Protein backbone atom coordinates (compact mmCIF):
# COMPACT_ATOMS: atom_id res chain seq x y z
CA MET A 1 -15.29 10.61 -21.14
CA THR A 2 -16.12 13.38 -18.72
CA ASP A 3 -15.26 13.30 -15.20
CA ARG A 4 -18.00 12.24 -12.66
CA PRO A 5 -19.15 15.23 -10.68
CA THR A 6 -17.43 15.46 -7.22
CA GLY A 7 -19.17 18.35 -5.89
CA TYR A 8 -15.95 20.50 -5.53
CA GLU A 9 -15.79 21.85 -9.20
CA PRO A 10 -14.01 23.63 -10.86
CA LEU A 11 -11.38 20.72 -10.92
CA ASP A 12 -7.76 20.79 -11.96
CA THR A 13 -7.01 24.43 -10.96
CA LEU A 14 -5.55 26.42 -8.16
CA LYS A 15 -7.89 27.68 -5.42
CA PRO A 16 -6.37 30.03 -2.76
CA VAL A 17 -6.61 29.02 0.89
CA ALA A 18 -4.34 31.46 2.79
CA GLU A 19 -1.34 33.54 1.92
CA GLU A 20 1.19 31.17 0.15
CA VAL A 21 -1.19 28.17 0.34
CA TRP A 22 -3.59 26.83 -2.45
CA LEU A 23 -5.49 23.62 -3.07
CA ILE A 24 -6.37 21.62 -6.04
CA ASP A 25 -9.67 19.67 -6.34
CA GLY A 26 -8.98 16.62 -8.50
CA PRO A 27 -11.21 13.98 -10.09
CA ALA A 28 -12.75 11.20 -8.14
CA ILE A 29 -10.79 8.04 -8.10
CA ARG A 30 -12.25 4.56 -7.25
CA PHE A 31 -11.36 3.09 -3.91
CA TYR A 32 -13.09 -0.08 -2.69
CA GLY A 33 -15.28 0.53 -5.61
CA MET A 34 -16.49 3.95 -4.35
CA PRO A 35 -15.78 7.44 -6.12
CA PHE A 36 -13.47 9.28 -3.76
CA SER A 37 -13.05 12.88 -4.41
CA THR A 38 -9.26 13.92 -4.28
CA ARG A 39 -7.44 17.14 -3.20
CA ALA A 40 -3.83 18.33 -3.47
CA THR A 41 -2.39 21.05 -1.44
CA ILE A 42 0.29 23.51 -2.61
CA VAL A 43 2.62 25.73 -0.26
CA ARG A 44 5.04 28.26 -1.66
CA LEU A 45 8.21 28.12 0.54
CA ALA A 46 9.97 31.31 1.50
CA SER A 47 12.60 30.46 -0.96
CA GLY A 48 9.83 30.67 -3.60
CA ALA A 49 10.07 26.85 -4.04
CA ILE A 50 6.60 25.13 -4.60
CA TRP A 51 5.87 22.10 -2.16
CA VAL A 52 3.03 19.86 -3.54
CA HIS A 53 1.14 17.48 -1.14
CA SER A 54 -0.77 14.40 -2.39
CA PRO A 55 -0.42 15.48 -6.16
CA THR A 56 -3.63 15.21 -7.97
CA ARG A 57 -4.20 14.74 -11.74
CA LEU A 58 -1.88 17.05 -13.68
CA THR A 59 -3.44 18.79 -16.91
CA GLU A 60 -1.38 21.04 -19.18
CA ALA A 61 -3.52 24.11 -17.82
CA LEU A 62 -3.02 23.11 -14.29
CA ALA A 63 0.71 22.69 -14.97
CA GLY A 64 1.04 26.30 -16.16
CA GLU A 65 -0.72 27.71 -13.26
CA VAL A 66 1.65 25.96 -10.85
CA ALA A 67 4.69 26.85 -12.67
CA ALA A 68 3.59 30.46 -12.72
CA LEU A 69 3.81 30.40 -8.76
CA GLY A 70 7.48 29.28 -8.84
CA PRO A 71 9.80 26.17 -9.25
CA VAL A 72 8.32 23.01 -8.38
CA ALA A 73 10.77 21.54 -5.94
CA HIS A 74 8.86 18.90 -3.72
CA LEU A 75 6.34 16.25 -4.40
CA VAL A 76 5.00 14.62 -1.31
CA ALA A 77 3.24 11.08 -1.32
CA PRO A 78 1.92 11.41 2.32
CA ASN A 79 0.75 7.85 2.99
CA TRP A 80 0.65 4.43 1.41
CA ILE A 81 -2.38 5.16 -1.04
CA HIS A 82 -1.62 8.59 -2.28
CA TYR A 83 0.90 8.35 -4.89
CA ALA A 84 -0.81 7.72 -8.12
CA TYR A 85 -0.11 10.93 -9.80
CA VAL A 86 3.33 11.70 -8.43
CA GLY A 87 4.87 10.29 -11.85
CA GLN A 88 2.77 12.72 -13.80
CA TRP A 89 4.34 15.57 -12.02
CA GLN A 90 7.83 14.07 -12.26
CA ASP A 91 7.39 13.91 -16.00
CA ARG A 92 6.45 17.62 -16.15
CA PHE A 93 8.64 18.92 -13.49
CA PRO A 94 11.87 16.59 -13.63
CA GLU A 95 13.88 18.79 -11.27
CA ALA A 96 11.52 18.23 -8.34
CA GLU A 97 12.36 15.87 -5.52
CA ALA A 98 9.84 13.15 -4.55
CA TRP A 99 9.19 12.31 -0.87
CA ALA A 100 7.57 9.25 0.42
CA ALA A 101 5.91 8.21 3.60
CA PRO A 102 6.53 4.61 4.98
CA GLY A 103 5.04 2.04 2.80
CA VAL A 104 4.69 4.12 -0.37
CA ALA A 105 7.38 2.86 -2.44
CA GLY A 106 6.63 -0.87 -1.65
CA ARG A 107 2.89 -0.43 -2.52
CA ALA A 108 3.63 1.36 -5.79
CA GLU A 109 6.07 -1.32 -6.90
CA LYS A 110 3.55 -3.93 -5.83
CA HIS A 111 0.72 -2.50 -7.96
CA GLY A 112 3.17 -2.08 -10.99
CA VAL A 113 3.43 1.68 -10.51
CA ARG A 114 7.19 2.71 -11.14
CA ILE A 115 8.06 5.97 -9.25
CA ALA A 116 11.49 6.98 -8.37
CA PHE A 117 11.37 8.48 -4.88
CA ASP A 118 14.39 10.56 -3.76
CA HIS A 119 13.79 10.83 0.05
CA ASP A 120 11.84 8.96 2.83
CA LEU A 121 9.66 11.13 4.91
CA GLY A 122 11.00 10.98 8.66
CA GLU A 123 9.63 12.20 12.01
CA THR A 124 10.79 15.66 11.61
CA ALA A 125 10.70 18.20 8.86
CA PRO A 126 13.94 18.08 6.55
CA ALA A 127 16.10 21.05 5.96
CA ALA A 128 14.20 21.70 2.87
CA TRP A 129 11.11 23.15 4.78
CA ALA A 130 12.16 23.02 8.36
CA GLY A 131 10.85 26.21 10.21
CA GLU A 132 8.03 26.48 7.83
CA ILE A 133 6.18 23.45 7.72
CA ASP A 134 6.28 21.01 10.78
CA GLN A 135 5.63 17.36 10.30
CA LEU A 136 5.31 14.17 12.02
CA LEU A 137 4.73 10.54 11.12
CA VAL A 138 1.56 9.31 12.79
CA ARG A 139 2.51 5.82 14.48
CA GLY A 140 0.38 3.07 15.94
CA SER A 141 -1.16 1.22 12.99
CA ASN A 142 0.43 -1.90 11.11
CA VAL A 143 -1.26 -0.71 7.99
CA HIS A 144 -1.81 3.03 7.79
CA HIS A 145 1.32 5.30 8.01
CA GLU A 146 0.79 8.91 7.47
CA ALA A 147 2.89 11.98 7.52
CA VAL A 148 1.03 15.11 8.51
CA PHE A 149 2.10 18.62 8.00
CA PHE A 150 1.59 22.03 9.48
CA HIS A 151 2.21 25.41 7.70
CA ARG A 152 3.32 27.68 10.49
CA ALA A 153 2.57 31.06 8.76
CA SER A 154 -0.97 30.31 7.84
CA LYS A 155 -1.87 27.91 10.70
CA THR A 156 -2.88 25.19 8.07
CA LEU A 157 -2.82 21.38 9.06
CA ILE A 158 -2.63 19.25 6.12
CA LEU A 159 -3.99 15.69 6.45
CA THR A 160 -4.78 13.02 4.00
CA ASP A 161 -6.95 10.02 5.32
CA LEU A 162 -6.74 10.33 8.91
CA ILE A 163 -10.06 12.43 8.71
CA GLU A 164 -12.45 11.92 5.80
CA ASN A 165 -15.56 14.05 5.57
CA PHE A 166 -17.78 12.98 2.77
CA GLU A 167 -21.05 15.17 2.30
CA PRO A 168 -24.11 13.03 1.68
CA ARG A 169 -25.50 15.57 -0.63
CA LYS A 170 -22.54 15.30 -2.94
CA ILE A 171 -22.32 11.36 -3.09
CA GLY A 172 -24.54 8.78 -4.62
CA PHE A 173 -26.92 6.58 -2.53
CA TRP A 174 -24.60 3.37 -2.27
CA PHE A 175 -21.59 5.66 -1.19
CA ARG A 176 -24.00 7.46 1.39
CA LEU A 177 -24.71 3.98 2.78
CA ALA A 178 -21.17 3.03 2.75
CA THR A 179 -20.03 6.04 4.57
CA ARG A 180 -22.68 5.77 7.10
CA PHE A 181 -21.23 2.44 8.27
CA ALA A 182 -17.65 3.53 7.74
CA GLY A 183 -18.26 6.52 10.02
CA ASN A 184 -16.44 8.98 7.60
CA ARG A 185 -19.43 11.07 6.44
CA GLU A 186 -19.95 14.66 7.45
CA PRO A 187 -19.00 16.18 10.00
CA GLY A 188 -15.95 13.89 9.47
CA ALA A 189 -14.04 11.37 11.42
CA MET A 190 -11.44 8.51 10.89
CA PRO A 191 -12.88 5.72 9.07
CA ARG A 192 -13.72 2.75 11.40
CA ASP A 193 -11.66 0.21 9.62
CA MET A 194 -8.64 2.45 9.82
CA ARG A 195 -9.46 3.01 13.59
CA ALA A 196 -9.33 -0.87 13.96
CA SER A 197 -5.76 -0.91 12.50
CA PHE A 198 -4.30 1.20 15.16
CA ARG A 199 -3.41 -1.37 17.82
CA ASP A 200 -1.35 1.21 19.70
CA LYS A 201 -3.97 3.95 20.49
CA GLY A 202 -1.46 5.83 22.70
CA ALA A 203 0.72 6.52 19.73
CA LEU A 204 -2.06 7.90 17.89
CA LYS A 205 -3.36 9.79 20.91
CA ALA A 206 0.18 11.38 21.05
CA ALA A 207 0.14 12.41 17.41
CA VAL A 208 -3.33 13.81 17.70
CA GLU A 209 -2.61 15.81 20.76
CA ARG A 210 0.55 17.19 19.09
CA MET A 211 -1.51 18.31 16.05
CA ILE A 212 -4.08 20.11 18.38
CA GLY A 213 -1.20 21.70 20.16
CA TRP A 214 -0.07 23.30 16.92
CA GLY A 215 -3.33 25.38 17.00
CA PRO A 216 -4.37 25.01 13.51
CA GLU A 217 -7.11 27.47 12.24
CA ARG A 218 -7.84 25.36 9.23
CA VAL A 219 -7.61 21.64 8.39
CA ILE A 220 -7.11 20.53 4.76
CA LEU A 221 -8.34 16.98 3.95
CA ALA A 222 -7.87 14.98 0.81
CA HIS A 223 -11.46 13.67 0.77
CA GLY A 224 -14.77 15.50 1.21
CA ARG A 225 -15.15 18.93 2.74
CA TRP A 226 -12.23 20.39 4.64
CA TYR A 227 -12.43 22.70 7.62
CA ALA A 228 -11.83 26.47 6.80
CA THR A 229 -12.23 27.46 10.47
CA ASN A 230 -12.10 26.20 13.90
CA GLY A 231 -9.33 23.73 12.89
CA ALA A 232 -8.20 22.70 16.45
CA ALA A 233 -11.84 22.30 17.58
CA GLU A 234 -12.64 19.91 14.66
CA LEU A 235 -9.80 17.83 15.57
CA GLU A 236 -10.98 17.34 19.13
CA ARG A 237 -14.47 16.56 17.91
CA ALA A 238 -13.27 14.02 15.17
CA PHE A 239 -11.01 12.37 17.65
CA ARG A 240 -13.42 12.41 20.81
CA TRP A 241 -13.51 8.69 20.60
CA LEU A 242 -9.64 8.55 21.24
CA LEU A 243 -8.94 11.49 23.60
């Protein structure tokens, strides 16, 4: 069976973003019955170690590309629904340490996915990448807990689901209709159902203001078109309803 086109082909291969930063466009996965495109982000740390955010499907060819960059050291599951492929990467790179945002381990276990996580992601970056990648946990929702990251040297902000940006021309009719009502079609925003889960809007606003304060030049998203330029301005636009 061939993959359904996502509009972000070629899939399962490294694509350069900035110095020491790459992304991987993966195949679509079904979520709420709709085909969500997927995307991983890779950063090579100063030590040469490879940091993988929201791992996507791992093919043998992709594993070879990543291994050529350096030793895979960190696998990051940044929120409660982005963990599906961590196990594949652990099998191929057994020395890598797996990091989980709040809620990830419990949801994986609930869905019968056995993943051995080594560490929880906290409010600040661990020693493994402190000083190179800043991080924070976005609070305020009783459902959605997401860790976000900022690669200082390239001024790249790495999000997962806080902003989704589906391009109508790349998705089918029913998905176009769904994204219209969800509010997560181009130019991109937080889905309306996720907004409703944030009872503490003040905590969310503080997190967004901190991200804007980092001054990102680009923002990588897990779903849809990411922002190659004007990162801080895109954040201000996407969260205008909150700010």
